[in-house]
Protein backbone atom coordinates (compact mmCIF):
# COMPACT_ATOMS: atom_id res chain seq x y z
CA MET A 1 17.12 -17.97 7.85
CA ALA A 2 13.33 -18.20 7.69
CA VAL A 3 12.91 -14.45 8.20
CA GLY A 4 15.48 -13.79 5.51
CA LEU A 5 13.60 -15.98 3.03
CA MET A 6 10.32 -14.32 3.95
CA LEU A 7 11.80 -10.85 3.33
CA LEU A 8 13.30 -12.01 0.06
CA PHE A 9 9.98 -13.31 -1.27
CA GLU A 10 7.93 -10.43 0.16
CA GLY A 11 10.24 -7.91 -1.49
CA LEU A 12 10.11 -9.38 -4.98
CA LEU A 13 6.66 -8.11 -5.94
CA PRO A 14 7.17 -4.45 -4.96
CA LEU A 15 10.62 -4.55 -6.57
CA LEU A 16 9.49 -6.02 -9.88
CA LEU A 17 5.84 -4.91 -10.17
CA PRO A 18 5.25 -1.84 -7.96
CA GLN A 19 1.98 -0.76 -9.62
CA GLN A 20 0.38 -4.21 -9.33
CA TRP A 21 1.61 -4.44 -5.73
CA ARG A 22 -0.11 -1.12 -4.90
CA GLU A 23 -3.34 -2.22 -6.60
CA MET A 24 -3.29 -5.51 -4.67
CA PHE A 25 -3.06 -3.64 -1.36
CA LEU A 26 -5.91 -1.33 -2.37
CA ARG A 27 -8.08 -4.40 -3.07
CA ILE A 28 -7.07 -6.01 0.22
CA SER A 29 -7.95 -2.84 2.14
CA ARG A 30 -11.52 -3.13 0.81
CA LEU A 31 -12.00 -6.67 2.15
CA ARG A 32 -14.02 -7.32 5.30
CA ASP A 33 -12.20 -8.42 8.45
CA GLY A 34 -13.54 -11.96 8.14
CA GLN A 35 -12.17 -12.30 4.63
CA ILE A 36 -8.74 -11.07 5.71
CA ARG A 37 -8.76 -13.49 8.66
CA PHE A 38 -9.66 -16.35 6.29
CA PHE A 39 -6.67 -15.58 4.05
CA GLY A 40 -4.47 -15.33 7.16
CA LEU A 41 -5.71 -18.72 8.35
CA ILE A 42 -4.98 -20.28 4.97
CA ALA A 43 -1.46 -18.80 5.00
CA VAL A 44 -0.81 -20.14 8.51
CA LEU A 45 -2.07 -23.61 7.60
CA VAL A 46 -0.07 -23.79 4.36
CA GLY A 47 3.05 -22.50 6.13
CA GLY A 48 2.63 -25.02 8.94
CA PHE A 49 2.08 -27.82 6.46
CA LEU A 50 5.22 -26.88 4.53
CA LEU A 51 7.27 -26.85 7.73
CA LEU A 52 6.04 -30.33 8.64
CA VAL A 53 6.62 -31.89 5.21
């Protein structure tokens, strides 16, 4: 169920706003590894928090 929800939410942006989705990935590709890891850490912490609450 969790994977299904993830795919549902992940698919909304490219479905509804493909140009903005592409621009977002171009910006992300320009970030340094440390910045990407920081955003990954934040996502993991927020996801873990939401699972515990």
